[in-house]
Every structure is written in C-alpha cells, then in structure tokens.
Amino acid sequence: LDSESGKIIAVCETDRYNCTSDWAPESQHIVYARGIIPDQPGRAELWVASADGRDRRRLYAEAERHIYGACASPDGKYLLFTRSGEDLGKVGAIEMAIIRWPESGQPTSAGSMARLDLGSGWEPHWTAKEVAK
C-alpha cells in the first residue's frame, strides 16, 4: 500500500496463488511463497520482492517439495519456512526447515546449500528477544 496515494501495489505475480507473506527485517522487502498455477506443472517456491514490486527474485526451491510459510529471522540471516510433498489441500505431512538467507543474490536449491529440517509444523514465525550481555 502506497502511504501517500493509497494505491495497492502488487509485489508478486497477481495471476498465481501467492501466500504467507512477511516483511523482511529491514522493512524494504517482502518474503512470500509463490504458489503454483492450478493444473500446470511446478511447485510453490520461496521468493522475495521489494515493497514497490520492482525487485523480485526467487530465494529457494526444491524439486520434490512445495515451499510455503516463509519468514525471515529478526537479524535477516535465516529463512524459516514450511515444506510439503503435496500441494496444500491434500497435504499428509507438513515439515518446517531453516536455511541461511542467500547472500549471493542468486536463487538456491535444496542441493546447493545446507538446510536444517525441524520436523512437523505450520505457519512459522520468529520472535525477537533482547539477550542480556
């Protein structure tokens, strides 16, 4: 939403089922799961876009899993997301995982980086907490 004009700005493809968006910690980008087009091949992927929708890129994808429920850690170093072998609506098991935020600007895939699988879960979210030094 443009605060001056009140105009709604689509930051992702409007003809796809996009879901579970969340602000990146710097409040300039939005992390979201770019969904599939029904009755067409492909899997849901993890994407990021600038708030004005001009800078859009894939962050992570897997050949055998759909990626949903994305959110960035408060320090912007990690991405927490859910993954499933089946598309939503007929999911037998939903898993959560965490990866480092890709530093190179290039999209990553399951085979190109470490992923920590956290077990079953849905709609992940980070909580910021000050730790006494």
Protein backbone atom coordinates (compact mmCIF):
# COMPACT_ATOMS: atom_id res chain seq x y z
CA LEU A 1 0.00 0.00 0.00
CA ASP A 2 1.50 3.35 -1.05
CA SER A 3 1.10 5.51 2.05
CA GLU A 4 0.80 8.76 0.07
CA SER A 5 -1.60 7.76 -2.70
CA GLY A 6 -3.40 4.86 -1.00
CA LYS A 7 -2.77 2.75 -4.11
CA ILE A 8 -2.35 -1.00 -3.62
CA ILE A 9 0.86 -2.28 -5.23
CA ALA A 10 1.08 -5.96 -6.17
CA VAL A 11 4.62 -7.10 -5.36
CA CYS A 12 4.21 -10.58 -6.81
CA GLU A 13 2.57 -12.16 -9.82
CA THR A 14 -1.14 -11.48 -9.50
CA ASP A 15 -2.22 -14.49 -11.60
CA ARG A 16 -0.74 -17.02 -9.18
CA TYR A 17 -1.70 -18.20 -5.71
CA ASN A 18 0.81 -16.40 -3.51
CA CYS A 19 0.65 -16.89 0.24
CA THR A 20 2.08 -16.39 3.69
CA SER A 21 3.91 -13.15 3.13
CA ASP A 22 6.05 -11.47 5.79
CA TRP A 23 8.23 -8.36 5.95
CA ALA A 24 11.99 -8.75 5.88
CA PRO A 25 13.59 -7.16 8.98
CA GLU A 26 14.74 -4.05 7.03
CA SER A 27 11.08 -3.32 6.09
CA GLN A 28 12.01 -2.85 2.43
CA HIS A 29 11.29 -6.35 1.13
CA ILE A 30 8.54 -8.95 1.47
CA VAL A 31 9.24 -12.68 1.67
CA TYR A 32 6.46 -14.90 0.32
CA ALA A 33 5.62 -18.30 -1.08
CA ARG A 34 4.93 -18.05 -4.80
CA GLY A 35 2.30 -20.67 -5.40
CA ILE A 36 1.56 -22.96 -8.28
CA ILE A 37 -0.84 -22.38 -11.15
CA PRO A 38 -3.61 -24.99 -10.86
CA ASP A 39 -3.46 -27.77 -13.47
CA GLN A 40 0.06 -26.76 -14.58
CA PRO A 41 3.40 -28.28 -13.59
CA GLY A 42 5.61 -26.68 -10.96
CA ARG A 43 5.97 -26.34 -7.22
CA ALA A 44 5.49 -23.49 -4.77
CA GLU A 45 8.78 -21.61 -4.19
CA LEU A 46 10.24 -19.08 -1.74
CA TRP A 47 10.52 -15.56 -3.22
CA VAL A 48 11.37 -12.02 -2.09
CA ALA A 49 10.21 -8.74 -3.62
CA SER A 50 10.82 -5.08 -2.87
CA ALA A 51 7.86 -3.21 -1.38
CA ASP A 52 7.29 -1.43 -4.70
CA GLY A 53 7.29 -4.74 -6.62
CA ARG A 54 10.21 -3.82 -8.90
CA ASP A 55 12.88 -6.09 -7.45
CA ARG A 56 11.59 -9.68 -7.39
CA ARG A 57 13.64 -12.88 -7.20
CA ARG A 58 13.47 -16.49 -6.16
CA LEU A 59 15.25 -17.34 -2.92
CA TYR A 60 14.77 -21.10 -2.63
CA ALA A 61 13.06 -24.03 -4.33
CA GLU A 62 13.01 -27.81 -4.13
CA ALA A 63 12.26 -30.24 -6.94
CA GLU A 64 10.26 -32.62 -4.72
CA ARG A 65 8.62 -30.23 -2.22
CA HIS A 66 6.32 -27.23 -2.19
CA ILE A 67 7.67 -24.32 -0.13
CA TYR A 68 5.20 -22.28 1.96
CA GLY A 69 5.02 -20.22 5.12
CA ALA A 70 8.18 -18.16 4.71
CA CYS A 71 9.57 -15.65 7.19
CA ALA A 72 12.98 -14.08 7.77
CA SER A 73 14.79 -14.10 11.11
CA PRO A 74 14.90 -10.76 13.00
CA ASP A 75 18.57 -10.33 12.02
CA GLY A 76 17.86 -11.16 8.35
CA LYS A 77 20.35 -14.04 8.29
CA TYR A 78 17.96 -17.00 8.11
CA LEU A 79 14.73 -18.07 6.45
CA LEU A 80 12.20 -20.28 8.21
CA PHE A 81 9.57 -21.98 6.05
CA THR A 82 7.27 -24.96 5.70
CA ARG A 83 7.56 -27.62 3.01
CA SER A 84 5.37 -30.45 1.80
CA GLY A 85 5.43 -33.13 -0.86
CA GLU A 86 1.82 -32.48 -1.84
CA ASP A 87 0.12 -29.22 -2.64
CA LEU A 88 -1.98 -27.64 0.09
CA GLY A 89 -5.47 -29.02 0.47
CA LYS A 90 -4.30 -32.63 0.28
CA VAL A 91 -1.21 -32.49 2.48
CA GLY A 92 -0.38 -35.55 4.55
CA ALA A 93 2.66 -34.12 6.34
CA ILE A 94 3.95 -30.57 6.61
CA GLU A 95 7.57 -30.04 7.64
CA MET A 96 9.44 -26.96 8.82
CA ALA A 97 13.00 -26.10 7.80
CA ILE A 98 15.55 -23.30 8.10
CA ILE A 99 18.26 -22.08 5.69
CA ARG A 100 20.67 -19.14 5.60
CA TRP A 101 19.44 -16.13 3.61
CA PRO A 102 21.19 -16.45 0.20
CA GLU A 103 23.99 -13.86 0.20
CA SER A 104 24.93 -14.04 -3.45
CA GLY A 105 21.61 -12.76 -4.75
CA GLN A 106 21.26 -15.98 -6.73
CA PRO A 107 18.37 -18.35 -6.05
CA THR A 108 19.28 -21.51 -4.24
CA SER A 109 18.00 -25.05 -4.40
CA ALA A 110 17.96 -27.93 -1.98
CA GLY A 111 21.18 -29.41 -3.38
CA SER A 112 23.19 -26.19 -3.25
CA MET A 113 23.02 -25.35 0.45
CA ALA A 114 22.56 -26.71 3.93
CA ARG A 115 19.03 -26.99 5.27
CA LEU A 116 18.09 -27.82 8.84
CA ASP A 117 14.87 -29.84 8.96
CA LEU A 118 12.88 -29.12 12.10
CA GLY A 119 10.09 -31.69 11.91
CA SER A 120 6.37 -31.13 11.51
CA GLY A 121 4.85 -27.67 11.81
CA TRP A 122 2.95 -24.93 10.02
CA GLU A 123 2.91 -21.10 9.86
CA PRO A 124 6.36 -20.45 11.33
CA HIS A 125 7.25 -17.13 12.90
CA TRP A 126 10.30 -15.64 14.59
CA THR A 127 10.23 -13.80 17.90
CA ALA A 128 12.83 -11.12 18.60
CA LYS A 129 14.25 -11.16 22.12
CA GLU A 130 16.89 -8.98 23.68
CA VAL A 131 19.52 -11.10 25.41
CA ALA A 132 21.34 -9.60 28.38
CA LYS A 133 25.08 -9.35 27.81
